[in-house]
Amino acid sequence: MNSTNKKEPWKIVVFTLSVAFIVFMWVKKDITAIYAKMPSEDILPLFATTVAVSLLKVAAIAGAVLLIKWIVGKVKKK
């Protein structure tokens, strides 16, 4: 992909929604308070799991958007 091309608006929207959702969930669950109360040896595994689950959520949202875009593209061609 050429770096001079503008990003497609839907990609920016998906990225923004995904990041906003992750931040909202972390704030809602008060992640910092949970980490502050934990023993230090338990923080790294929990943090790694939290990051992995968040990345899976982002991938799921992006995958759903791409699937919808693909289906709409197929329907428009017919």
PDB file of N, CA and C in Angstrom:
ATOM      1  N   MET A   1       0.845  -1.174   0.000  1.00  0.00           N
ATOM      2  CA  MET A   1       0.000   0.000   0.000  1.00  0.00           C
ATOM      3  C   MET A   1       0.884   1.227   0.000  1.00  0.00           C
ATOM      4  N   ASN A   2       0.526   2.188  -0.784  1.00  0.00           N
ATOM      5  CA  ASN A   2       1.284   3.421  -0.904  1.00  0.00           C
ATOM      6  C   ASN A   2       1.053   4.289   0.330  1.00  0.00           C
ATOM      7  N   SER A   3       2.127   4.814   0.903  1.00  0.00           N
ATOM      8  CA  SER A   3       2.001   5.589   2.138  1.00  0.00           C
ATOM      9  C   SER A   3       1.374   6.961   1.909  1.00  0.00           C
ATOM     10  N   THR A   4       1.285   7.394   0.664  1.00  0.00           N
ATOM     11  CA  THR A   4       0.677   8.695   0.388  1.00  0.00           C
ATOM     12  C   THR A   4      -0.841   8.612   0.311  1.00  0.00           C
ATOM     13  N   ASN A   5      -1.401   7.409   0.242  1.00  0.00           N
ATOM     14  CA  ASN A   5      -2.852   7.251   0.207  1.00  0.00           C
ATOM     15  C   ASN A   5      -3.449   7.611   1.551  1.00  0.00           C
ATOM     16  N   LYS A   6      -4.632   8.225   1.509  1.00  0.00           N
ATOM     17  CA  LYS A   6      -5.328   8.545   2.742  1.00  0.00           C
ATOM     18  C   LYS A   6      -5.955   7.280   3.311  1.00  0.00           C
ATOM     19  N   LYS A   7      -6.040   7.228   4.623  1.00  0.00           N
ATOM     20  CA  LYS A   7      -6.699   6.094   5.275  1.00  0.00           C
ATOM     21  C   LYS A   7      -8.198   6.171   4.999  1.00  0.00           C
ATOM     22  N   GLU A   8      -8.785   5.006   4.830  1.00  0.00           N
ATOM     23  CA  GLU A   8     -10.220   4.957   4.609  1.00  0.00           C
ATOM     24  C   GLU A   8     -10.923   5.341   5.906  1.00  0.00           C
ATOM     25  N   PRO A   9     -12.010   6.113   5.805  1.00  0.00           N
ATOM     26  CA  PRO A   9     -12.694   6.589   7.017  1.00  0.00           C
ATOM     27  C   PRO A   9     -13.183   5.460   7.928  1.00  0.00           C
ATOM     28  N   TRP A  10     -13.643   4.344   7.364  1.00  0.00           N
ATOM     29  CA  TRP A  10     -14.152   3.269   8.205  1.00  0.00           C
ATOM     30  C   TRP A  10     -13.046   2.661   9.053  1.00  0.00           C
ATOM     31  N   LYS A  11     -11.804   2.656   8.555  1.00  0.00           N
ATOM     32  CA  LYS A  11     -10.701   2.120   9.338  1.00  0.00           C
ATOM     33  C   LYS A  11     -10.423   3.009  10.545  1.00  0.00           C
ATOM     34  N   ILE A  12     -10.494   4.303  10.335  1.00  0.00           N
ATOM     35  CA  ILE A  12     -10.276   5.240  11.433  1.00  0.00           C
ATOM     36  C   ILE A  12     -11.383   5.095  12.473  1.00  0.00           C
ATOM     37  N   VAL A  13     -12.626   4.928  12.012  1.00  0.00           N
ATOM     38  CA  VAL A  13     -13.758   4.768  12.918  1.00  0.00           C
ATOM     39  C   VAL A  13     -13.613   3.487  13.739  1.00  0.00           C
ATOM     40  N   VAL A  14     -13.253   2.397  13.083  1.00  0.00           N
ATOM     41  CA  VAL A  14     -13.098   1.125  13.790  1.00  0.00           C
ATOM     42  C   VAL A  14     -11.985   1.218  14.824  1.00  0.00           C
ATOM     43  N   PHE A  15     -10.871   1.815  14.454  1.00  0.00           N
ATOM     44  CA  PHE A  15      -9.760   1.971  15.393  1.00  0.00           C
ATOM     45  C   PHE A  15     -10.185   2.808  16.592  1.00  0.00           C
ATOM     46  N   THR A  16     -10.842   3.930  16.328  1.00  0.00           N
ATOM     47  CA  THR A  16     -11.264   4.824  17.401  1.00  0.00           C
ATOM     48  C   THR A  16     -12.264   4.143  18.325  1.00  0.00           C
ATOM     49  N   LEU A  17     -13.249   3.453  17.756  1.00  0.00           N
ATOM     50  CA  LEU A  17     -14.232   2.748  18.573  1.00  0.00           C
ATOM     51  C   LEU A  17     -13.585   1.645  19.409  1.00  0.00           C
ATOM     52  N   SER A  18     -12.644   0.930  18.834  1.00  0.00           N
ATOM     53  CA  SER A  18     -11.978  -0.146  19.551  1.00  0.00           C
ATOM     54  C   SER A  18     -11.171   0.383  20.730  1.00  0.00           C
ATOM     55  N   VAL A  19     -10.410   1.418  20.495  1.00  0.00           N
ATOM     56  CA  VAL A  19      -9.606   1.999  21.570  1.00  0.00           C
ATOM     57  C   VAL A  19     -10.513   2.582  22.655  1.00  0.00           C
ATOM     58  N   ALA A  20     -11.573   3.271  22.230  1.00  0.00           N
ATOM     59  CA  ALA A  20     -12.506   3.852  23.198  1.00  0.00           C
ATOM     60  C   ALA A  20     -13.174   2.768  24.029  1.00  0.00           C
ATOM     61  N   PHE A  21     -13.533   1.657  23.405  1.00  0.00           N
ATOM     62  CA  PHE A  21     -14.168   0.556  24.126  1.00  0.00           C
ATOM     63  C   PHE A  21     -13.218  -0.033  25.165  1.00  0.00           C
ATOM     64  N   ILE A  22     -11.966  -0.227  24.790  1.00  0.00           N
ATOM     65  CA  ILE A  22     -10.986  -0.784  25.725  1.00  0.00           C
ATOM     66  C   ILE A  22     -10.778   0.159  26.914  1.00  0.00           C
ATOM     67  N   VAL A  23     -10.605   1.437  26.629  1.00  0.00           N
ATOM     68  CA  VAL A  23     -10.406   2.404  27.713  1.00  0.00           C
ATOM     69  C   VAL A  23     -11.637   2.457  28.604  1.00  0.00           C
ATOM     70  N   PHE A  24     -12.825   2.455  28.006  1.00  0.00           N
ATOM     71  CA  PHE A  24     -14.064   2.464  28.789  1.00  0.00           C
ATOM     72  C   PHE A  24     -14.145   1.251  29.705  1.00  0.00           C
ATOM     73  N   MET A  25     -13.834   0.082  29.193  1.00  0.00           N
ATOM     74  CA  MET A  25     -13.910  -1.127  30.009  1.00  0.00           C
ATOM     75  C   MET A  25     -12.876  -1.102  31.131  1.00  0.00           C
ATOM     76  N   TRP A  26     -11.677  -0.617  30.867  1.00  0.00           N
ATOM     77  CA  TRP A  26     -10.649  -0.535  31.907  1.00  0.00           C
ATOM     78  C   TRP A  26     -11.071   0.444  32.995  1.00  0.00           C
ATOM     79  N   VAL A  27     -11.659   1.568  32.601  1.00  0.00           N
ATOM     80  CA  VAL A  27     -12.112   2.551  33.587  1.00  0.00           C
ATOM     81  C   VAL A  27     -13.294   1.995  34.370  1.00  0.00           C
ATOM     82  N   LYS A  28     -14.217   1.351  33.674  1.00  0.00           N
ATOM     83  CA  LYS A  28     -15.409   0.791  34.325  1.00  0.00           C
ATOM     84  C   LYS A  28     -15.020  -0.262  35.359  1.00  0.00           C
ATOM     85  N   LYS A  29     -14.054  -1.084  35.032  1.00  0.00           N
ATOM     86  CA  LYS A  29     -13.623  -2.146  35.942  1.00  0.00           C
ATOM     87  C   LYS A  29     -12.579  -1.659  36.951  1.00  0.00           C
ATOM     88  N   ASP A  30     -12.149  -0.415  36.839  1.00  0.00           N
ATOM     89  CA  ASP A  30     -11.158   0.198  37.724  1.00  0.00           C
ATOM     90  C   ASP A  30      -9.913  -0.689  37.835  1.00  0.00           C
ATOM     91  N   ILE A  31      -9.302  -0.921  36.700  1.00  0.00           N
ATOM     92  CA  ILE A  31      -8.141  -1.812  36.600  1.00  0.00           C
ATOM     93  C   ILE A  31      -6.994  -1.359  37.499  1.00  0.00           C
ATOM     94  N   THR A  32      -6.766  -0.057  37.592  1.00  0.00           N
ATOM     95  CA  THR A  32      -5.635   0.415  38.408  1.00  0.00           C
ATOM     96  C   THR A  32      -5.830   0.073  39.878  1.00  0.00           C
ATOM     97  N   ALA A  33      -7.045   0.153  40.378  1.00  0.00           N
ATOM     98  CA  ALA A  33      -7.299  -0.201  41.778  1.00  0.00           C
ATOM     99  C   ALA A  33      -7.092  -1.695  42.008  1.00  0.00           C
ATOM    100  N   ILE A  34      -7.462  -2.496  41.023  1.00  0.00           N
ATOM    101  CA  ILE A  34      -7.265  -3.954  41.146  1.00  0.00           C
ATOM    102  C   ILE A  34      -5.783  -4.272  41.213  1.00  0.00           C
ATOM    103  N   TYR A  35      -5.000  -3.643  40.337  1.00  0.00           N
ATOM    104  CA  TYR A  35      -3.556  -3.894  40.326  1.00  0.00           C
ATOM    105  C   TYR A  35      -2.879  -3.389  41.598  1.00  0.00           C
ATOM    106  N   ALA A  36      -3.359  -2.289  42.158  1.00  0.00           N
ATOM    107  CA  ALA A  36      -2.743  -1.718  43.356  1.00  0.00           C
ATOM    108  C   ALA A  36      -2.898  -2.637  44.574  1.00  0.00           C
ATOM    109  N   LYS A  37      -3.979  -3.393  44.610  1.00  0.00           N
ATOM    110  CA  LYS A  37      -4.251  -4.276  45.753  1.00  0.00           C
ATOM    111  C   LYS A  37      -3.608  -5.650  45.624  1.00  0.00           C
ATOM    112  N   MET A  38      -3.058  -5.975  44.460  1.00  0.00           N
ATOM    113  CA  MET A  38      -2.526  -7.323  44.211  1.00  0.00           C
ATOM    114  C   MET A  38      -1.071  -7.445  44.638  1.00  0.00           C
ATOM    115  N   PRO A  39      -0.669  -8.667  44.989  1.00  0.00           N
ATOM    116  CA  PRO A  39       0.768  -8.904  45.197  1.00  0.00           C
ATOM    117  C   PRO A  39       1.502  -8.738  43.865  1.00  0.00           C
ATOM    118  N   SER A  40       2.735  -8.289  43.934  1.00  0.00           N
ATOM    119  CA  SER A  40       3.472  -7.964  42.708  1.00  0.00           C
ATOM    120  C   SER A  40       3.683  -9.171  41.793  1.00  0.00           C
ATOM    121  N   GLU A  41       3.779 -10.376  42.331  1.00  0.00           N
ATOM    122  CA  GLU A  41       4.002 -11.552  41.475  1.00  0.00           C
ATOM    123  C   GLU A  41       2.754 -11.943  40.680  1.00  0.00           C
ATOM    124  N   ASP A  42       1.585 -11.439  41.075  1.00  0.00           N
ATOM    125  CA  ASP A  42       0.349 -11.749  40.349  1.00  0.00           C
ATOM    126  C   ASP A  42       0.009 -10.711  39.281  1.00  0.00           C
ATOM    127  N   ILE A  43       0.683  -9.588  39.292  1.00  0.00           N
ATOM    128  CA  ILE A  43       0.331  -8.502  38.373  1.00  0.00           C
ATOM    129  C   ILE A  43       0.665  -8.841  36.923  1.00  0.00           C
ATOM    130  N   LEU A  44       1.846  -9.366  36.668  1.00  0.00           N
ATOM    131  CA  LEU A  44       2.257  -9.626  35.281  1.00  0.00           C
ATOM    132  C   LEU A  44       1.339 -10.616  34.563  1.00  0.00           C
ATOM    133  N   PRO A  45       1.000 -11.779  35.160  1.00  0.00           N
ATOM    134  CA  PRO A  45       0.084 -12.688  34.446  1.00  0.00           C
ATOM    135  C   PRO A  45      -1.294 -12.069  34.194  1.00  0.00           C
ATOM    136  N   LEU A  46      -1.803 -11.332  35.174  1.00  0.00           N
ATOM    137  CA  LEU A  46      -3.110 -10.709  34.991  1.00  0.00           C
ATOM    138  C   LEU A  46      -3.049  -9.620  33.922  1.00  0.00           C
ATOM    139  N   PHE A  47      -1.992  -8.832  33.930  1.00  0.00           N
ATOM    140  CA  PHE A  47      -1.828  -7.790  32.925  1.00  0.00           C
ATOM    141  C   PHE A  47      -1.718  -8.393  31.531  1.00  0.00           C
ATOM    142  N   ALA A  48      -0.932  -9.462  31.401  1.00  0.00           N
ATOM    143  CA  ALA A  48      -0.777 -10.117  30.092  1.00  0.00           C
ATOM    144  C   ALA A  48      -2.116 -10.669  29.602  1.00  0.00           C
ATOM    145  N   THR A  49      -2.890 -11.245  30.506  1.00  0.00           N
ATOM    146  CA  THR A  49      -4.201 -11.772  30.139  1.00  0.00           C
ATOM    147  C   THR A  49      -5.145 -10.640  29.728  1.00  0.00           C
ATOM    148  N   THR A  50      -5.113  -9.547  30.471  1.00  0.00           N
ATOM    149  CA  THR A  50      -5.961  -8.397  30.156  1.00  0.00           C
ATOM    150  C   THR A  50      -5.639  -7.843  28.775  1.00  0.00           C
ATOM    151  N   VAL A  51      -4.361  -7.710  28.481  1.00  0.00           N
ATOM    152  CA  VAL A  51      -3.947  -7.194  27.176  1.00  0.00           C
ATOM    153  C   VAL A  51      -4.353  -8.163  26.065  1.00  0.00           C
ATOM    154  N   ALA A  52      -4.147  -9.453  26.294  1.00  0.00           N
ATOM    155  CA  ALA A  52      -4.499 -10.449  25.276  1.00  0.00           C
ATOM    156  C   ALA A  52      -6.000 -10.446  24.987  1.00  0.00           C
ATOM    157  N   VAL A  53      -6.808 -10.383  26.030  1.00  0.00           N
ATOM    158  CA  VAL A  53      -8.259 -10.363  25.841  1.00  0.00           C
ATOM    159  C   VAL A  53      -8.681  -9.084  25.124  1.00  0.00           C
ATOM    160  N   SER A  54      -8.077  -7.968  25.482  1.00  0.00           N
ATOM    161  CA  SER A  54      -8.399  -6.706  24.816  1.00  0.00           C
ATOM    162  C   SER A  54      -8.036  -6.757  23.333  1.00  0.00           C
ATOM    163  N   LEU A  55      -6.893  -7.335  23.018  1.00  0.00           N
ATOM    164  CA  LEU A  55      -6.500  -7.473  21.614  1.00  0.00           C
ATOM    165  C   LEU A  55      -7.448  -8.391  20.855  1.00  0.00           C
ATOM    166  N   LEU A  56      -7.916  -9.443  21.513  1.00  0.00           N
ATOM    167  CA  LEU A  56      -8.904 -10.324  20.878  1.00  0.00           C
ATOM    168  C   LEU A  56     -10.214  -9.576  20.620  1.00  0.00           C
ATOM    169  N   LYS A  57     -10.604  -8.712  21.537  1.00  0.00           N
ATOM    170  CA  LYS A  57     -11.819  -7.919  21.338  1.00  0.00           C
ATOM    171  C   LYS A  57     -11.652  -6.986  20.135  1.00  0.00           C
ATOM    172  N   VAL A  58     -10.500  -6.352  20.043  1.00  0.00           N
ATOM    173  CA  VAL A  58     -10.230  -5.464  18.911  1.00  0.00           C
ATOM    174  C   VAL A  58     -10.264  -6.258  17.607  1.00  0.00           C
ATOM    175  N   ALA A  59      -9.647  -7.433  17.610  1.00  0.00           N
ATOM    176  CA  ALA A  59      -9.638  -8.272  16.409  1.00  0.00           C
ATOM    177  C   ALA A  59     -11.054  -8.710  16.044  1.00  0.00           C
ATOM    178  N   ALA A  60     -11.869  -9.027  17.039  1.00  0.00           N
ATOM    179  CA  ALA A  60     -13.250  -9.441  16.771  1.00  0.00           C
ATOM    180  C   ALA A  60     -14.066  -8.299  16.175  1.00  0.00           C
ATOM    181  N   ILE A  61     -13.911  -7.110  16.721  1.00  0.00           N
ATOM    182  CA  ILE A  61     -14.640  -5.955  16.195  1.00  0.00           C
ATOM    183  C   ILE A  61     -14.191  -5.648  14.773  1.00  0.00           C
ATOM    184  N   ALA A  62     -12.877  -5.645  14.558  1.00  0.00           N
ATOM    185  CA  ALA A  62     -12.358  -5.374  13.216  1.00  0.00           C
ATOM    186  C   ALA A  62     -12.791  -6.463  12.238  1.00  0.00           C
ATOM    187  N   GLY A  63     -12.764  -7.709  12.674  1.00  0.00           N
ATOM    188  CA  GLY A  63     -13.198  -8.814  11.821  1.00  0.00           C
ATOM    189  C   GLY A  63     -14.667  -8.698  11.441  1.00  0.00           C
ATOM    190  N   ALA A  64     -15.497  -8.315  12.401  1.00  0.00           N
ATOM    191  CA  ALA A  64     -16.929  -8.149  12.123  1.00  0.00           C
ATOM    192  C   ALA A  64     -17.152  -7.026  11.109  1.00  0.00           C
ATOM    193  N   VAL A  65     -16.431  -5.936  11.275  1.00  0.00           N
ATOM    194  CA  VAL A  65     -16.572  -4.815  10.334  1.00  0.00           C
ATOM    195  C   VAL A  65     -16.104  -5.227   8.945  1.00  0.00           C
ATOM    196  N   LEU A  66     -14.987  -5.934   8.867  1.00  0.00           N
ATOM    197  CA  LEU A  66     -14.492  -6.394   7.566  1.00  0.00           C
ATOM    198  C   LEU A  66     -15.457  -7.381   6.914  1.00  0.00           C
ATOM    199  N   LEU A  67     -16.043  -8.261   7.715  1.00  0.00           N
ATOM    200  CA  LEU A  67     -17.013  -9.216   7.181  1.00  0.00           C
ATOM    201  C   LEU A  67     -18.236  -8.492   6.629  1.00  0.00           C
ATOM    202  N   ILE A  68     -18.722  -7.514   7.366  1.00  0.00           N
ATOM    203  CA  ILE A  68     -19.871  -6.736   6.897  1.00  0.00           C
ATOM    204  C   ILE A  68     -19.514  -5.983   5.620  1.00  0.00           C
ATOM    205  N   LYS A  69     -18.330  -5.396   5.584  1.00  0.00           N
ATOM    206  CA  LYS A  69     -17.894  -4.675   4.383  1.00  0.00           C
ATOM    207  C   LYS A  69     -17.795  -5.629   3.193  1.00  0.00           C
ATOM    208  N   TRP A  70     -17.290  -6.822   3.405  1.00  0.00           N
ATOM    209  CA  TRP A  70     -17.153  -7.804   2.336  1.00  0.00           C
ATOM    210  C   TRP A  70     -18.535  -8.233   1.820  1.00  0.00           C
ATOM    211  N   ILE A  71     -19.464  -8.476   2.743  1.00  0.00           N
ATOM    212  CA  ILE A  71     -20.804  -8.894   2.355  1.00  0.00           C
ATOM    213  C   ILE A  71     -21.492  -7.788   1.561  1.00  0.00           C
ATOM    214  N   VAL A  72     -21.369  -6.556   2.032  1.00  0.00           N
ATOM    215  CA  VAL A  72     -21.967  -5.432   1.310  1.00  0.00           C
ATOM    216  C   VAL A  72     -21.343  -5.299  -0.069  1.00  0.00           C
ATOM    217  N   GLY A  73     -20.042  -5.506  -0.183  1.00  0.00           N
ATOM    218  CA  GLY A  73     -19.390  -5.441  -1.491  1.00  0.00           C
ATOM    219  C   GLY A  73     -19.893  -6.513  -2.435  1.00  0.00           C
ATOM    220  N   LYS A  74     -20.100  -7.726  -1.920  1.00  0.00           N
ATOM    221  CA  LYS A  74     -20.633  -8.810  -2.749  1.00  0.00           C
ATOM    222  C   LYS A  74     -22.055  -8.533  -3.211  1.00  0.00           C
ATOM    223  N   VAL A  75     -22.874  -7.977  -2.325  1.00  0.00           N
ATOM    224  CA  VAL A  75     -24.258  -7.670  -2.660  1.00  0.00           C
ATOM    225  C   VAL A  75     -24.324  -6.562  -3.715  1.00  0.00           C
ATOM    226  N   LYS A  76     -23.462  -5.563  -3.592  1.00  0.00           N
ATOM    227  CA  LYS A  76     -23.457  -4.459  -4.540  1.00  0.00           C
ATOM    228  C   LYS A  76     -23.033  -4.905  -5.946  1.00  0.00           C
ATOM    229  N   LYS A  77     -22.170  -5.924  -6.042  1.00  0.00           N
ATOM    230  CA  LYS A  77     -21.709  -6.402  -7.350  1.00  0.00           C
ATOM    231  C   LYS A  77     -22.801  -7.123  -8.113  1.00  0.00           C
ATOM    232  N   LYS A  78     -23.764  -7.689  -7.418  1.00  0.00           N
ATOM    233  CA  LYS A  78     -24.840  -8.453  -8.082  1.00  0.00           C
ATOM    234  C   LYS A  78     -25.864  -7.560  -8.576  1.00  0.00           C
TER     235      LYS A  78
END
